Amino acid sequence: GDVAYDGHGNGVFTKAVIEGLQCRAAKSVGTVTPYT
């Protein structure tokens, strides 16, 4: 939530979504899926 941010300019949830889509959540074959 609103206090759940740590200086990166996004909420913690959205920050994690962005990082995940930018390949932090990729499988070994290099694909990000809803599950990963």
PDB file of all heavy atoms in Angstrom:
ATOM      1  N   GLY A   1       0.769  -1.218   0.000  1.00  0.00           N
ATOM      2  CA  GLY A   1       0.000   0.000   0.000  1.00  0.00           C
ATOM      3  C   GLY A   1       0.800   1.267   0.000  1.00  0.00           C
ATOM      4  O   GLY A   1       1.964   1.289  -0.360  1.00  0.00           O
ATOM      5  N   ASP A   2       0.157   2.340   0.443  1.00  0.00           N
ATOM      6  CA  ASP A   2       0.713   3.675   0.347  1.00  0.00           C
ATOM      7  C   ASP A   2       2.037   3.798   1.081  1.00  0.00           C
ATOM      8  O   ASP A   2       2.949   4.461   0.628  1.00  0.00           O
ATOM      9  CB  ASP A   2      -0.291   4.682   0.903  1.00  0.00           C
ATOM     10  CG  ASP A   2       0.201   6.104   0.812  1.00  0.00           C
ATOM     11  OD1 ASP A   2       0.616   6.493  -0.284  1.00  0.00           O
ATOM     12  OD2 ASP A   2       0.180   6.803   1.832  1.00  0.00           O
ATOM     13  N   VAL A   3       2.142   3.193   2.247  1.00  0.00           N
ATOM     14  CA  VAL A   3       3.431   3.227   2.928  1.00  0.00           C
ATOM     15  C   VAL A   3       4.337   2.108   2.442  1.00  0.00           C
ATOM     16  O   VAL A   3       5.487   2.033   2.823  1.00  0.00           O
ATOM     17  CB  VAL A   3       3.263   3.119   4.461  1.00  0.00           C
ATOM     18  CG1 VAL A   3       2.478   4.288   4.991  1.00  0.00           C
ATOM     19  CG2 VAL A   3       2.614   1.811   4.861  1.00  0.00           C
ATOM     20  N   ALA A   4       3.809   1.212   1.611  1.00  0.00           N
ATOM     21  CA  ALA A   4       4.591   0.094   1.102  1.00  0.00           C
ATOM     22  C   ALA A   4       5.336   0.488  -0.167  1.00  0.00           C
ATOM     23  O   ALA A   4       5.097  -0.008  -1.241  1.00  0.00           O
ATOM     24  CB  ALA A   4       3.698  -1.120   0.841  1.00  0.00           C
ATOM     25  N   TYR A   5       6.253   1.433  -0.028  1.00  0.00           N
ATOM     26  CA  TYR A   5       7.171   1.764  -1.087  1.00  0.00           C
ATOM     27  C   TYR A   5       8.489   2.106  -0.406  1.00  0.00           C
ATOM     28  O   TYR A   5       8.525   2.491   0.759  1.00  0.00           O
ATOM     29  CB  TYR A   5       6.661   2.925  -1.947  1.00  0.00           C
ATOM     30  CG  TYR A   5       6.410   4.203  -1.185  1.00  0.00           C
ATOM     31  CD1 TYR A   5       7.432   5.109  -0.952  1.00  0.00           C
ATOM     32  CD2 TYR A   5       5.149   4.497  -0.686  1.00  0.00           C
ATOM     33  CE1 TYR A   5       7.212   6.274  -0.242  1.00  0.00           C
ATOM     34  CE2 TYR A   5       4.909   5.663   0.019  1.00  0.00           C
ATOM     35  CZ  TYR A   5       5.955   6.545   0.230  1.00  0.00           C
ATOM     36  OH  TYR A   5       5.728   7.699   0.932  1.00  0.00           O
ATOM     37  N   ASP A   6       9.582   1.939  -1.144  1.00  0.00           N
ATOM     38  CA  ASP A   6      10.868   2.124  -0.485  1.00  0.00           C
ATOM     39  C   ASP A   6      11.824   2.964  -1.313  1.00  0.00           C
ATOM     40  O   ASP A   6      12.999   2.678  -1.413  1.00  0.00           O
ATOM     41  CB  ASP A   6      11.511   0.773  -0.146  1.00  0.00           C
ATOM     42  CG  ASP A   6      11.508  -0.185  -1.319  1.00  0.00           C
ATOM     43  OD1 ASP A   6      11.134   0.239  -2.427  1.00  0.00           O
ATOM     44  OD2 ASP A   6      11.904  -1.343  -1.130  1.00  0.00           O
ATOM     45  N   GLY A   7      11.292   4.030  -1.901  1.00  0.00           N
ATOM     46  CA  GLY A   7      12.149   5.005  -2.547  1.00  0.00           C
ATOM     47  C   GLY A   7      12.392   4.798  -4.023  1.00  0.00           C
ATOM     48  O   GLY A   7      13.145   5.551  -4.642  1.00  0.00           O
ATOM     49  N   HIS A   8      11.748   3.810  -4.635  1.00  0.00           N
ATOM     50  CA  HIS A   8      11.976   3.555  -6.047  1.00  0.00           C
ATOM     51  C   HIS A   8      10.918   4.194  -6.937  1.00  0.00           C
ATOM     52  O   HIS A   8      10.995   4.083  -8.155  1.00  0.00           O
ATOM     53  CB  HIS A   8      12.015   2.046  -6.312  1.00  0.00           C
ATOM     54  CG  HIS A   8      13.093   1.332  -5.563  1.00  0.00           C
ATOM     55  ND1 HIS A   8      14.424   1.650  -5.707  1.00  0.00           N
ATOM     56  CD2 HIS A   8      13.044   0.340  -4.643  1.00  0.00           C
ATOM     57  CE1 HIS A   8      15.147   0.873  -4.921  1.00  0.00           C
ATOM     58  NE2 HIS A   8      14.339   0.080  -4.253  1.00  0.00           N
ATOM     59  N   GLY A   9       9.929   4.844  -6.356  1.00  0.00           N
ATOM     60  CA  GLY A   9       8.936   5.530  -7.168  1.00  0.00           C
ATOM     61  C   GLY A   9       7.780   4.670  -7.612  1.00  0.00           C
ATOM     62  O   GLY A   9       7.057   5.037  -8.545  1.00  0.00           O
ATOM     63  N   ASN A  10       7.584   3.531  -6.975  1.00  0.00           N
ATOM     64  CA  ASN A  10       6.428   2.668  -7.234  1.00  0.00           C
ATOM     65  C   ASN A  10       6.000   2.016  -5.932  1.00  0.00           C
ATOM     66  O   ASN A  10       6.796   1.874  -5.003  1.00  0.00           O
ATOM     67  CB  ASN A  10       6.765   1.558  -8.242  1.00  0.00           C
ATOM     68  CG  ASN A  10       7.022   2.069  -9.637  1.00  0.00           C
ATOM     69  OD1 ASN A  10       8.149   2.104 -10.089  1.00  0.00           O
ATOM     70  ND2 ASN A  10       5.981   2.479 -10.336  1.00  0.00           N
ATOM     71  N   GLY A  11       4.721   1.584  -5.872  1.00  0.00           N
ATOM     72  CA  GLY A  11       4.301   0.749  -4.776  1.00  0.00           C
ATOM     73  C   GLY A  11       5.056  -0.572  -4.823  1.00  0.00           C
ATOM     74  O   GLY A  11       5.544  -0.990  -5.877  1.00  0.00           O
ATOM     75  N   VAL A  12       5.173  -1.220  -3.687  1.00  0.00           N
ATOM     76  CA  VAL A  12       5.945  -2.463  -3.622  1.00  0.00           C
ATOM     77  C   VAL A  12       5.378  -3.533  -4.554  1.00  0.00           C
ATOM     78  O   VAL A  12       6.117  -4.237  -5.238  1.00  0.00           O
ATOM     79  CB  VAL A  12       5.995  -2.979  -2.168  1.00  0.00           C
ATOM     80  CG1 VAL A  12       6.553  -4.381  -2.105  1.00  0.00           C
ATOM     81  CG2 VAL A  12       6.842  -2.047  -1.314  1.00  0.00           C
ATOM     82  N   PHE A  13       4.049  -3.652  -4.602  1.00  0.00           N
ATOM     83  CA  PHE A  13       3.414  -4.644  -5.462  1.00  0.00           C
ATOM     84  C   PHE A  13       3.747  -4.373  -6.929  1.00  0.00           C
ATOM     85  O   PHE A  13       4.211  -5.261  -7.658  1.00  0.00           O
ATOM     86  CB  PHE A  13       1.898  -4.622  -5.234  1.00  0.00           C
ATOM     87  CG  PHE A  13       1.108  -5.499  -6.172  1.00  0.00           C
ATOM     88  CD1 PHE A  13       1.021  -6.854  -5.967  1.00  0.00           C
ATOM     89  CD2 PHE A  13       0.442  -4.954  -7.266  1.00  0.00           C
ATOM     90  CE1 PHE A  13       0.281  -7.672  -6.822  1.00  0.00           C
ATOM     91  CE2 PHE A  13      -0.299  -5.739  -8.126  1.00  0.00           C
ATOM     92  CZ  PHE A  13      -0.378  -7.103  -7.905  1.00  0.00           C
ATOM     93  N   THR A  14       3.517  -3.136  -7.389  1.00  0.00           N
ATOM     94  CA  THR A  14       3.772  -2.806  -8.787  1.00  0.00           C
ATOM     95  C   THR A  14       5.256  -2.906  -9.116  1.00  0.00           C
ATOM     96  O   THR A  14       5.630  -3.354 -10.200  1.00  0.00           O
ATOM     97  CB  THR A  14       3.248  -1.402  -9.120  1.00  0.00           C
ATOM     98  OG1 THR A  14       1.846  -1.367  -8.891  1.00  0.00           O
ATOM     99  CG2 THR A  14       3.533  -1.036 -10.569  1.00  0.00           C
ATOM    100  N   LYS A  15       6.100  -2.487  -8.201  1.00  0.00           N
ATOM    101  CA  LYS A  15       7.540  -2.610  -8.421  1.00  0.00           C
ATOM    102  C   LYS A  15       7.918  -4.067  -8.682  1.00  0.00           C
ATOM    103  O   LYS A  15       8.713  -4.378  -9.581  1.00  0.00           O
ATOM    104  CB  LYS A  15       8.298  -2.079  -7.209  1.00  0.00           C
ATOM    105  CG  LYS A  15       9.804  -2.295  -7.249  1.00  0.00           C
ATOM    106  CD  LYS A  15      10.447  -1.654  -6.041  1.00  0.00           C
ATOM    107  CE  LYS A  15      11.936  -1.970  -5.959  1.00  0.00           C
ATOM    108  NZ  LYS A  15      12.189  -3.341  -5.501  1.00  0.00           N
ATOM    109  N   ALA A  16       7.340  -4.995  -7.905  1.00  0.00           N
ATOM    110  CA  ALA A  16       7.635  -6.414  -8.094  1.00  0.00           C
ATOM    111  C   ALA A  16       7.089  -6.912  -9.427  1.00  0.00           C
ATOM    112  O   ALA A  16       7.727  -7.729 -10.104  1.00  0.00           O
ATOM    113  CB  ALA A  16       7.049  -7.225  -6.942  1.00  0.00           C
ATOM    114  N   VAL A  17       5.904  -6.438  -9.834  1.00  0.00           N
ATOM    115  CA  VAL A  17       5.338  -6.820 -11.129  1.00  0.00           C
ATOM    116  C   VAL A  17       6.255  -6.374 -12.258  1.00  0.00           C
ATOM    117  O   VAL A  17       6.555  -7.138 -13.189  1.00  0.00           O
ATOM    118  CB  VAL A  17       3.926  -6.213 -11.308  1.00  0.00           C
ATOM    119  CG1 VAL A  17       3.444  -6.399 -12.751  1.00  0.00           C
ATOM    120  CG2 VAL A  17       2.941  -6.859 -10.345  1.00  0.00           C
ATOM    121  N   ILE A  18       6.724  -5.116 -12.189  1.00  0.00           N
ATOM    122  CA  ILE A  18       7.602  -4.591 -13.229  1.00  0.00           C
ATOM    123  C   ILE A  18       8.900  -5.388 -13.294  1.00  0.00           C
ATOM    124  O   ILE A  18       9.348  -5.796 -14.372  1.00  0.00           O
ATOM    125  CB  ILE A  18       7.886  -3.099 -12.976  1.00  0.00           C
ATOM    126  CG1 ILE A  18       6.612  -2.277 -13.209  1.00  0.00           C
ATOM    127  CG2 ILE A  18       9.009  -2.597 -13.877  1.00  0.00           C
ATOM    128  CD1 ILE A  18       6.736  -0.826 -12.812  1.00  0.00           C
ATOM    129  N   GLU A  19       9.515  -5.627 -12.145  1.00  0.00           N
ATOM    130  CA  GLU A  19      10.758  -6.395 -12.125  1.00  0.00           C
ATOM    131  C   GLU A  19      10.549  -7.798 -12.682  1.00  0.00           C
ATOM    132  O   GLU A  19      11.376  -8.314 -13.438  1.00  0.00           O
ATOM    133  CB  GLU A  19      11.303  -6.478 -10.703  1.00  0.00           C
ATOM    134  CG  GLU A  19      11.874  -5.187 -10.168  1.00  0.00           C
ATOM    135  CD  GLU A  19      12.425  -5.343  -8.762  1.00  0.00           C
ATOM    136  OE1 GLU A  19      12.124  -6.369  -8.107  1.00  0.00           O
ATOM    137  OE2 GLU A  19      13.146  -4.441  -8.316  1.00  0.00           O
ATOM    138  N   GLY A  20       9.440  -8.417 -12.295  1.00  0.00           N
ATOM    139  CA  GLY A  20       9.161  -9.762 -12.783  1.00  0.00           C
ATOM    140  C   GLY A  20       9.009  -9.810 -14.288  1.00  0.00           C
ATOM    141  O   GLY A  20       9.563 -10.690 -14.963  1.00  0.00           O
ATOM    142  N   LEU A  21       8.257  -8.849 -14.851  1.00  0.00           N
ATOM    143  CA  LEU A  21       8.067  -8.801 -16.303  1.00  0.00           C
ATOM    144  C   LEU A  21       9.354  -8.468 -17.037  1.00  0.00           C
ATOM    145  O   LEU A  21       9.539  -8.842 -18.200  1.00  0.00           O
ATOM    146  CB  LEU A  21       6.988  -7.774 -16.650  1.00  0.00           C
ATOM    147  CG  LEU A  21       5.556  -8.168 -16.291  1.00  0.00           C
ATOM    148  CD1 LEU A  21       4.625  -6.973 -16.412  1.00  0.00           C
ATOM    149  CD2 LEU A  21       5.066  -9.306 -17.192  1.00  0.00           C
ATOM    150  N   GLN A  22      10.262  -7.754 -16.357  1.00  0.00           N
ATOM    151  CA  GLN A  22      11.548  -7.423 -16.964  1.00  0.00           C
ATOM    152  C   GLN A  22      12.570  -8.531 -16.752  1.00  0.00           C
ATOM    153  O   GLN A  22      13.758  -8.285 -16.717  1.00  0.00           O
ATOM    154  CB  GLN A  22      12.062  -6.097 -16.391  1.00  0.00           C
ATOM    155  CG  GLN A  22      11.262  -4.893 -16.852  1.00  0.00           C
ATOM    156  CD  GLN A  22      11.738  -3.601 -16.230  1.00  0.00           C
ATOM    157  OE1 GLN A  22      12.200  -3.586 -15.086  1.00  0.00           O
ATOM    158  NE2 GLN A  22      11.615  -2.511 -16.961  1.00  0.00           N
ATOM    159  N   CYS A  23      12.079  -9.742 -16.613  1.00  0.00           N
ATOM    160  CA  CYS A  23      12.870 -10.977 -16.665  1.00  0.00           C
ATOM    161  C   CYS A  23      13.323 -11.523 -15.327  1.00  0.00           C
ATOM    162  O   CYS A  23      13.927 -12.595 -15.275  1.00  0.00           O
ATOM    163  CB  CYS A  23      14.070 -10.834 -17.596  1.00  0.00           C
ATOM    164  SG  CYS A  23      13.575 -10.509 -19.301  1.00  0.00           S
ATOM    165  N   ARG A  24      13.021 -10.848 -14.209  1.00  0.00           N
ATOM    166  CA  ARG A  24      13.349 -11.450 -12.917  1.00  0.00           C
ATOM    167  C   ARG A  24      12.514 -12.713 -12.674  1.00  0.00           C
ATOM    168  O   ARG A  24      12.917 -13.578 -11.904  1.00  0.00           O
ATOM    169  CB  ARG A  24      13.083 -10.446 -11.796  1.00  0.00           C
ATOM    170  CG  ARG A  24      13.979  -9.223 -11.815  1.00  0.00           C
ATOM    171  CD  ARG A  24      15.389  -9.549 -11.356  1.00  0.00           C
ATOM    172  NE  ARG A  24      16.197  -8.344 -11.224  1.00  0.00           N
ATOM    173  CZ  ARG A  24      16.271  -7.622 -10.124  1.00  0.00           C
ATOM    174  NH1 ARG A  24      15.601  -7.989  -9.047  1.00  0.00           N
ATOM    175  NH2 ARG A  24      17.016  -6.541 -10.074  1.00  0.00           N
ATOM    176  N   ALA A  25      11.343 -12.803 -13.311  1.00  0.00           N
ATOM    177  CA  ALA A  25      10.459 -13.948 -13.100  1.00  0.00           C
ATOM    178  C   ALA A  25      10.534 -14.949 -14.242  1.00  0.00           C
ATOM    179  O   ALA A  25       9.647 -15.792 -14.387  1.00  0.00           O
ATOM    180  CB  ALA A  25       9.011 -13.467 -12.932  1.00  0.00           C
ATOM    181  N   ALA A  26      11.583 -14.862 -15.050  1.00  0.00           N
ATOM    182  CA  ALA A  26      11.678 -15.738 -16.214  1.00  0.00           C
ATOM    183  C   ALA A  26      12.001 -17.175 -15.829  1.00  0.00           C
ATOM    184  O   ALA A  26      12.726 -17.436 -14.870  1.00  0.00           O
ATOM    185  CB  ALA A  26      12.738 -15.211 -17.175  1.00  0.00           C
ATOM    186  N   LYS A  27      11.436 -18.119 -16.590  1.00  0.00           N
ATOM    187  CA  LYS A  27      11.776 -19.526 -16.446  1.00  0.00           C
ATOM    188  C   LYS A  27      13.132 -19.780 -17.102  1.00  0.00           C
ATOM    189  O   LYS A  27      13.728 -18.903 -17.713  1.00  0.00           O
ATOM    190  CB  LYS A  27      10.705 -20.397 -17.108  1.00  0.00           C
ATOM    191  CG  LYS A  27       9.325 -20.251 -16.500  1.00  0.00           C
ATOM    192  CD  LYS A  27       8.390 -21.350 -16.977  1.00  0.00           C
ATOM    193  CE  LYS A  27       8.154 -21.277 -18.474  1.00  0.00           C
ATOM    194  NZ  LYS A  27       7.158 -22.278 -18.918  1.00  0.00           N
ATOM    195  N   SER A  28      13.608 -21.011 -16.992  1.00  0.00           N
ATOM    196  CA  SER A  28      14.918 -21.344 -17.545  1.00  0.00           C
ATOM    197  C   SER A  28      14.973 -21.155 -19.054  1.00  0.00           C
ATOM    198  O   SER A  28      16.038 -20.909 -19.622  1.00  0.00           O
ATOM    199  CB  SER A  28      15.280 -22.784 -17.187  1.00  0.00           C
ATOM    200  OG  SER A  28      14.309 -23.688 -17.686  1.00  0.00           O
ATOM    201  N   VAL A  29      13.823 -21.244 -19.724  1.00  0.00           N
ATOM    202  CA  VAL A  29      13.799 -21.054 -21.174  1.00  0.00           C
ATOM    203  C   VAL A  29      13.666 -19.581 -21.536  1.00  0.00           C
ATOM    204  O   VAL A  29      13.620 -19.228 -22.712  1.00  0.00           O
ATOM    205  CB  VAL A  29      12.638 -21.853 -21.808  1.00  0.00           C
ATOM    206  CG1 VAL A  29      12.870 -23.334 -21.637  1.00  0.00           C
ATOM    207  CG2 VAL A  29      11.295 -21.438 -21.215  1.00  0.00           C
ATOM    208  N   GLY A  30      13.603 -18.715 -20.534  1.00  0.00           N
ATOM    209  CA  GLY A  30      13.597 -17.286 -20.805  1.00  0.00           C
ATOM    210  C   GLY A  30      12.238 -16.658 -20.968  1.00  0.00           C
ATOM    211  O   GLY A  30      12.132 -15.537 -21.479  1.00  0.00           O
ATOM    212  N   THR A  31      11.168 -17.305 -20.499  1.00  0.00           N
ATOM    213  CA  THR A  31       9.824 -16.780 -20.646  1.00  0.00           C
ATOM    214  C   THR A  31       9.207 -16.474 -19.284  1.00  0.00           C
ATOM    215  O   THR A  31       9.320 -17.276 -18.352  1.00  0.00           O
ATOM    216  CB  THR A  31       8.918 -17.781 -21.392  1.00  0.00           C
ATOM    217  OG1 THR A  31       9.490 -18.084 -22.663  1.00  0.00           O
ATOM    218  CG2 THR A  31       7.521 -17.202 -21.609  1.00  0.00           C
ATOM    219  N   VAL A  32       8.569 -15.319 -19.175  1.00  0.00           N
ATOM    220  CA  VAL A  32       7.782 -14.981 -17.988  1.00  0.00           C
ATOM    221  C   VAL A  32       6.338 -15.362 -18.244  1.00  0.00           C
ATOM    222  O   VAL A  32       5.763 -15.009 -19.279  1.00  0.00           O
ATOM    223  CB  VAL A  32       7.873 -13.481 -17.661  1.00  0.00           C
ATOM    224  CG1 VAL A  32       6.993 -13.143 -16.459  1.00  0.00           C
ATOM    225  CG2 VAL A  32       9.309 -13.070 -17.392  1.00  0.00           C
ATOM    226  N   THR A  33       5.732 -16.098 -17.332  1.00  0.00           N
ATOM    227  CA  THR A  33       4.341 -16.509 -17.445  1.00  0.00           C
ATOM    228  C   THR A  33       3.564 -15.984 -16.232  1.00  0.00           C
ATOM    229  O   THR A  33       4.173 -15.554 -15.247  1.00  0.00           O
ATOM    230  CB  THR A  33       4.235 -18.043 -17.484  1.00  0.00           C
ATOM    231  OG1 THR A  33       4.625 -18.560 -16.199  1.00  0.00           O
ATOM    232  CG2 THR A  33       5.120 -18.634 -18.578  1.00  0.00           C
ATOM    233  N   PRO A  34       2.225 -16.001 -16.273  1.00  0.00           N
ATOM    234  CA  PRO A  34       1.472 -15.592 -15.086  1.00  0.00           C
ATOM    235  C   PRO A  34       1.861 -16.367 -13.837  1.00  0.00           C
ATOM    236  O   PRO A  34       1.909 -15.799 -12.743  1.00  0.00           O
ATOM    237  CB  PRO A  34       0.020 -15.874 -15.488  1.00  0.00           C
ATOM    238  CG  PRO A  34       0.000 -15.682 -16.957  1.00  0.00           C
ATOM    239  CD  PRO A  34       1.325 -16.237 -17.432  1.00  0.00           C
ATOM    240  N   TYR A  35       2.173 -17.641 -13.984  1.00  0.00           N
ATOM    241  CA  TYR A  35       2.549 -18.437 -12.819  1.00  0.00           C
ATOM    242  C   TYR A  35       3.895 -17.979 -12.250  1.00  0.00           C
ATOM    243  O   TYR A  35       4.022 -17.752 -11.041  1.00  0.00           O
ATOM    244  CB  TYR A  35       2.615 -19.922 -13.192  1.00  0.00           C
ATOM    245  CG  TYR A  35       3.110 -20.795 -12.055  1.00  0.00           C
ATOM    246  CD1 TYR A  35       2.283 -21.104 -10.980  1.00  0.00           C
ATOM    247  CD2 TYR A  35       4.412 -21.287 -12.057  1.00  0.00           C
ATOM    248  CE1 TYR A  35       2.738 -21.885  -9.924  1.00  0.00           C
ATOM    249  CE2 TYR A  35       4.871 -22.077 -11.016  1.00  0.00           C
ATOM    250  CZ  TYR A  35       4.028 -22.371  -9.947  1.00  0.00           C
ATOM    251  OH  TYR A  35       4.492 -23.133  -8.906  1.00  0.00           O
ATOM    252  N   THR A  36       4.914 -17.843 -13.113  1.00  0.00           N
ATOM    253  CA  THR A  36       6.230 -17.420 -12.609  1.00  0.00           C
ATOM    254  C   THR A  36       6.180 -15.981 -12.110  1.00  0.00           C
ATOM    255  O   THR A  36       6.858 -15.635 -11.136  1.00  0.00           O
ATOM    256  CB  THR A  36       7.312 -17.559 -13.688  1.00  0.00           C
ATOM    257  OG1 THR A  36       7.046 -16.674 -14.785  1.00  0.00           O
ATOM    258  CG2 THR A  36       7.394 -18.988 -14.186  1.00  0.00           C
TER     259      THR A  36
END
